[in-house]
Amino acid sequence: MAGKRDKSAVSRGEQIQEAEREAAKQRLLAQAEADRIPVEETTRAVPDRWWRRGQR
């Protein structure tokens, strides 16, 4: 019986760790989404040589 209790305790601990990992993952995804800049709001990067071509 003690073996069953130990096994369920480990299993419960693993369940708690998995829940914590999932919660951390969701927090990271939410933060990344909050920090994301929509493509429409960004400007296209222009290589330096194109910018300088008109100045030479």
PDB file of N, CA and C in Angstrom:
ATOM      1  N   MET A   1       0.792  -1.198   0.000  1.00  0.00           N
ATOM      2  CA  MET A   1       0.000   0.000   0.000  1.00  0.00           C
ATOM      3  C   MET A   1       0.839   1.269   0.000  1.00  0.00           C
ATOM      4  N   ALA A   2       1.928   1.210   0.723  1.00  0.00           N
ATOM      5  CA  ALA A   2       2.807   2.370   0.750  1.00  0.00           C
ATOM      6  C   ALA A   2       3.344   2.652  -0.645  1.00  0.00           C
ATOM      7  N   GLY A   3       3.574   1.586  -1.414  1.00  0.00           N
ATOM      8  CA  GLY A   3       4.045   1.750  -2.788  1.00  0.00           C
ATOM      9  C   GLY A   3       3.041   2.486  -3.638  1.00  0.00           C
ATOM     10  N   LYS A   4       1.779   2.192  -3.459  1.00  0.00           N
ATOM     11  CA  LYS A   4       0.727   2.887  -4.225  1.00  0.00           C
ATOM     12  C   LYS A   4       0.688   4.366  -3.859  1.00  0.00           C
ATOM     13  N   ARG A   5       0.809   4.649  -2.574  1.00  0.00           N
ATOM     14  CA  ARG A   5       0.773   6.033  -2.135  1.00  0.00           C
ATOM     15  C   ARG A   5       1.954   6.811  -2.719  1.00  0.00           C
ATOM     16  N   ASP A   6       3.145   6.200  -2.686  1.00  0.00           N
ATOM     17  CA  ASP A   6       4.332   6.861  -3.240  1.00  0.00           C
ATOM     18  C   ASP A   6       4.165   7.108  -4.733  1.00  0.00           C
ATOM     19  N   LYS A   7       3.639   6.114  -5.419  1.00  0.00           N
ATOM     20  CA  LYS A   7       3.460   6.248  -6.869  1.00  0.00           C
ATOM     21  C   LYS A   7       2.474   7.365  -7.197  1.00  0.00           C
ATOM     22  N   SER A   8       1.379   7.452  -6.460  1.00  0.00           N
ATOM     23  CA  SER A   8       0.398   8.508  -6.718  1.00  0.00           C
ATOM     24  C   SER A   8       0.956   9.876  -6.332  1.00  0.00           C
ATOM     25  N   ALA A   9       1.797   9.909  -5.305  1.00  0.00           N
ATOM     26  CA  ALA A   9       2.413  11.177  -4.896  1.00  0.00           C
ATOM     27  C   ALA A   9       3.350  11.669  -5.984  1.00  0.00           C
ATOM     28  N   VAL A  10       4.133  10.771  -6.566  1.00  0.00           N
ATOM     29  CA  VAL A  10       5.024  11.154  -7.658  1.00  0.00           C
ATOM     30  C   VAL A  10       4.190  11.588  -8.847  1.00  0.00           C
ATOM     31  N   SER A  11       3.157  10.829  -9.128  1.00  0.00           N
ATOM     32  CA  SER A  11       2.292  11.164 -10.246  1.00  0.00           C
ATOM     33  C   SER A  11       1.640  12.528 -10.030  1.00  0.00           C
ATOM     34  N   ARG A  12       1.207  12.799  -8.818  1.00  0.00           N
ATOM     35  CA  ARG A  12       0.595  14.099  -8.504  1.00  0.00           C
ATOM     36  C   ARG A  12       1.625  15.221  -8.666  1.00  0.00           C
ATOM     37  N   GLY A  13       2.848  14.961  -8.205  1.00  0.00           N
ATOM     38  CA  GLY A  13       3.909  15.951  -8.357  1.00  0.00           C
ATOM     39  C   GLY A  13       4.197  16.232  -9.820  1.00  0.00           C
ATOM     40  N   GLU A  14       4.210  15.165 -10.618  1.00  0.00           N
ATOM     41  CA  GLU A  14       4.428  15.338 -12.052  1.00  0.00           C
ATOM     42  C   GLU A  14       3.284  16.118 -12.693  1.00  0.00           C
ATOM     43  N   GLN A  15       2.073  15.857 -12.240  1.00  0.00           N
ATOM     44  CA  GLN A  15       0.912  16.587 -12.765  1.00  0.00           C
ATOM     45  C   GLN A  15       1.022  18.070 -12.433  1.00  0.00           C
ATOM     46  N   ILE A  16       1.450  18.381 -11.232  1.00  0.00           N
ATOM     47  CA  ILE A  16       1.609  19.780 -10.818  1.00  0.00           C
ATOM     48  C   ILE A  16       2.686  20.455 -11.650  1.00  0.00           C
ATOM     49  N   GLN A  17       3.828  19.753 -11.856  1.00  0.00           N
ATOM     50  CA  GLN A  17       4.903  20.323 -12.667  1.00  0.00           C
ATOM     51  C   GLN A  17       4.440  20.559 -14.103  1.00  0.00           C
ATOM     52  N   GLU A  18       3.701  19.625 -14.664  1.00  0.00           N
ATOM     53  CA  GLU A  18       3.198  19.781 -16.030  1.00  0.00           C
ATOM     54  C   GLU A  18       2.242  20.975 -16.110  1.00  0.00           C
ATOM     55  N   ALA A  19       1.385  21.129 -15.112  1.00  0.00           N
ATOM     56  CA  ALA A  19       0.467  22.262 -15.090  1.00  0.00           C
ATOM     57  C   ALA A  19       1.238  23.581 -14.996  1.00  0.00           C
ATOM     58  N   GLU A  20       2.291  23.604 -14.185  1.00  0.00           N
ATOM     59  CA  GLU A  20       3.111  24.812 -14.067  1.00  0.00           C
ATOM     60  C   GLU A  20       3.828  25.125 -15.377  1.00  0.00           C
ATOM     61  N   ARG A  21       4.345  24.081 -16.040  1.00  0.00           N
ATOM     62  CA  ARG A  21       5.007  24.300 -17.336  1.00  0.00           C
ATOM     63  C   ARG A  21       4.018  24.839 -18.361  1.00  0.00           C
ATOM     64  N   GLU A  22       2.821  24.286 -18.381  1.00  0.00           N
ATOM     65  CA  GLU A  22       1.808  24.746 -19.329  1.00  0.00           C
ATOM     66  C   GLU A  22       1.406  26.198 -19.031  1.00  0.00           C
ATOM     67  N   ALA A  23       1.273  26.542 -17.760  1.00  0.00           N
ATOM     68  CA  ALA A  23       0.927  27.916 -17.389  1.00  0.00           C
ATOM     69  C   ALA A  23       2.050  28.875 -17.810  1.00  0.00           C
ATOM     70  N   ALA A  24       3.295  28.465 -17.604  1.00  0.00           N
ATOM     71  CA  ALA A  24       4.424  29.312 -18.009  1.00  0.00           C
ATOM     72  C   ALA A  24       4.444  29.478 -19.526  1.00  0.00           C
ATOM     73  N   LYS A  25       4.167  28.409 -20.241  1.00  0.00           N
ATOM     74  CA  LYS A  25       4.115  28.467 -21.706  1.00  0.00           C
ATOM     75  C   LYS A  25       3.040  29.442 -22.167  1.00  0.00           C
ATOM     76  N   GLN A  26       1.876  29.374 -21.538  1.00  0.00           N
ATOM     77  CA  GLN A  26       0.783  30.277 -21.908  1.00  0.00           C
ATOM     78  C   GLN A  26       1.137  31.729 -21.603  1.00  0.00           C
ATOM     79  N   ARG A  27       1.827  31.968 -20.479  1.00  0.00           N
ATOM     80  CA  ARG A  27       2.259  33.334 -20.154  1.00  0.00           C
ATOM     81  C   ARG A  27       3.235  33.857 -21.194  1.00  0.00           C
ATOM     82  N   LEU A  28       4.184  33.005 -21.606  1.00  0.00           N
ATOM     83  CA  LEU A  28       5.152  33.416 -22.626  1.00  0.00           C
ATOM     84  C   LEU A  28       4.462  33.715 -23.952  1.00  0.00           C
ATOM     85  N   LEU A  29       3.532  32.871 -24.342  1.00  0.00           N
ATOM     86  CA  LEU A  29       2.812  33.103 -25.594  1.00  0.00           C
ATOM     87  C   LEU A  29       1.988  34.386 -25.531  1.00  0.00           C
ATOM     88  N   ALA A  30       1.357  34.634 -24.396  1.00  0.00           N
ATOM     89  CA  ALA A  30       0.566  35.855 -24.233  1.00  0.00           C
ATOM     90  C   ALA A  30       1.468  37.087 -24.290  1.00  0.00           C
ATOM     91  N   GLN A  31       2.638  37.015 -23.662  1.00  0.00           N
ATOM     92  CA  GLN A  31       3.575  38.138 -23.681  1.00  0.00           C
ATOM     93  C   GLN A  31       4.092  38.380 -25.097  1.00  0.00           C
ATOM     94  N   ALA A  32       4.405  37.300 -25.799  1.00  0.00           N
ATOM     95  CA  ALA A  32       4.892  37.436 -27.174  1.00  0.00           C
ATOM     96  C   ALA A  32       3.825  38.062 -28.067  1.00  0.00           C
ATOM     97  N   GLU A  33       2.595  37.669 -27.877  1.00  0.00           N
ATOM     98  CA  GLU A  33       1.500  38.232 -28.673  1.00  0.00           C
ATOM     99  C   GLU A  33       1.312  39.710 -28.338  1.00  0.00           C
ATOM    100  N   ALA A  34       1.457  40.070 -27.071  1.00  0.00           N
ATOM    101  CA  ALA A  34       1.312  41.468 -26.661  1.00  0.00           C
ATOM    102  C   ALA A  34       2.439  42.325 -27.241  1.00  0.00           C
ATOM    103  N   ASP A  35       3.637  41.746 -27.371  1.00  0.00           N
ATOM    104  CA  ASP A  35       4.790  42.490 -27.877  1.00  0.00           C
ATOM    105  C   ASP A  35       4.871  42.496 -29.402  1.00  0.00           C
ATOM    106  N   ARG A  36       4.063  41.684 -30.042  1.00  0.00           N
ATOM    107  CA  ARG A  36       4.138  41.541 -31.494  1.00  0.00           C
ATOM    108  C   ARG A  36       3.711  42.825 -32.194  1.00  0.00           C
ATOM    109  N   ILE A  37       4.436  43.190 -33.229  1.00  0.00           N
ATOM    110  CA  ILE A  37       4.096  44.372 -34.026  1.00  0.00           C
ATOM    111  C   ILE A  37       3.474  43.862 -35.333  1.00  0.00           C
ATOM    112  N   PRO A  38       2.251  44.257 -35.626  1.00  0.00           N
ATOM    113  CA  PRO A  38       1.618  43.805 -36.865  1.00  0.00           C
ATOM    114  C   PRO A  38       2.434  44.223 -38.090  1.00  0.00           C
ATOM    115  N   VAL A  39       2.431  43.384 -39.103  1.00  0.00           N
ATOM    116  CA  VAL A  39       3.196  43.653 -40.318  1.00  0.00           C
ATOM    117  C   VAL A  39       2.799  44.984 -40.931  1.00  0.00           C
ATOM    118  N   GLU A  40       1.546  45.324 -40.854  1.00  0.00           N
ATOM    119  CA  GLU A  40       1.064  46.566 -41.451  1.00  0.00           C
ATOM    120  C   GLU A  40       1.706  47.800 -40.823  1.00  0.00           C
ATOM    121  N   GLU A  41       2.171  47.658 -39.589  1.00  0.00           N
ATOM    122  CA  GLU A  41       2.748  48.797 -38.870  1.00  0.00           C
ATOM    123  C   GLU A  41       4.268  48.865 -39.001  1.00  0.00           C
ATOM    124  N   THR A  42       4.861  47.980 -39.753  1.00  0.00           N
ATOM    125  CA  THR A  42       6.313  47.999 -39.911  1.00  0.00           C
ATOM    126  C   THR A  42       6.675  48.582 -41.264  1.00  0.00           C
ATOM    127  N   THR A  43       7.902  49.026 -41.368  1.00  0.00           N
ATOM    128  CA  THR A  43       8.381  49.534 -42.650  1.00  0.00           C
ATOM    129  C   THR A  43       9.321  48.511 -43.251  1.00  0.00           C
ATOM    130  N   ARG A  44       9.428  48.504 -44.539  1.00  0.00           N
ATOM    131  CA  ARG A  44      10.302  47.557 -45.220  1.00  0.00           C
ATOM    132  C   ARG A  44      11.739  48.046 -45.109  1.00  0.00           C
ATOM    133  N   ALA A  45      12.618  47.168 -44.762  1.00  0.00           N
ATOM    134  CA  ALA A  45      14.040  47.515 -44.667  1.00  0.00           C
ATOM    135  C   ALA A  45      14.601  47.642 -46.074  1.00  0.00           C
ATOM    136  N   VAL A  46      15.347  48.693 -46.305  1.00  0.00           N
ATOM    137  CA  VAL A  46      15.965  48.935 -47.609  1.00  0.00           C
ATOM    138  C   VAL A  46      17.469  48.781 -47.434  1.00  0.00           C
ATOM    139  N   PRO A  47      18.098  47.967 -48.274  1.00  0.00           N
ATOM    140  CA  PRO A  47      19.549  47.808 -48.149  1.00  0.00           C
ATOM    141  C   PRO A  47      20.266  49.146 -48.293  1.00  0.00           C
ATOM    142  N   ASP A  48      21.353  49.303 -47.591  1.00  0.00           N
ATOM    143  CA  ASP A  48      22.120  50.542 -47.581  1.00  0.00           C
ATOM    144  C   ASP A  48      22.543  50.975 -48.984  1.00  0.00           C
ATOM    145  N   ARG A  49      22.943  50.045 -49.817  1.00  0.00           N
ATOM    146  CA  ARG A  49      23.445  50.421 -51.142  1.00  0.00           C
ATOM    147  C   ARG A  49      22.376  51.076 -52.009  1.00  0.00           C
ATOM    148  N   TRP A  50      21.110  50.698 -51.836  1.00  0.00           N
ATOM    149  CA  TRP A  50      20.044  51.358 -52.603  1.00  0.00           C
ATOM    150  C   TRP A  50      19.887  52.809 -52.143  1.00  0.00           C
ATOM    151  N   TRP A  51      20.004  53.018 -50.862  1.00  0.00           N
ATOM    152  CA  TRP A  51      19.840  54.357 -50.316  1.00  0.00           C
ATOM    153  C   TRP A  51      20.981  55.263 -50.772  1.00  0.00           C
ATOM    154  N   ARG A  52      22.178  54.713 -50.846  1.00  0.00           N
ATOM    155  CA  ARG A  52      23.341  55.506 -51.221  1.00  0.00           C
ATOM    156  C   ARG A  52      23.473  55.710 -52.722  1.00  0.00           C
ATOM    157  N   ARG A  53      22.810  54.919 -53.513  1.00  0.00           N
ATOM    158  CA  ARG A  53      22.972  54.989 -54.970  1.00  0.00           C
ATOM    159  C   ARG A  53      22.668  56.402 -55.502  1.00  0.00           C
ATOM    160  N   GLY A  54      21.635  57.061 -54.976  1.00  0.00           N
ATOM    161  CA  GLY A  54      21.276  58.386 -55.438  1.00  0.00           C
ATOM    162  C   GLY A  54      22.217  59.476 -54.947  1.00  0.00           C
ATOM    163  N   GLN A  55      23.061  59.204 -53.983  1.00  0.00           N
ATOM    164  CA  GLN A  55      23.948  60.224 -53.422  1.00  0.00           C
ATOM    165  C   GLN A  55      25.323  60.249 -54.055  1.00  0.00           C
ATOM    166  N   ARG A  56      25.644  59.314 -54.885  1.00  0.00           N
ATOM    167  CA  ARG A  56      27.004  59.287 -55.468  1.00  0.00           C
ATOM    168  C   ARG A  56      27.103  60.075 -56.708  1.00  0.00           C
TER     169      ARG A  56
END
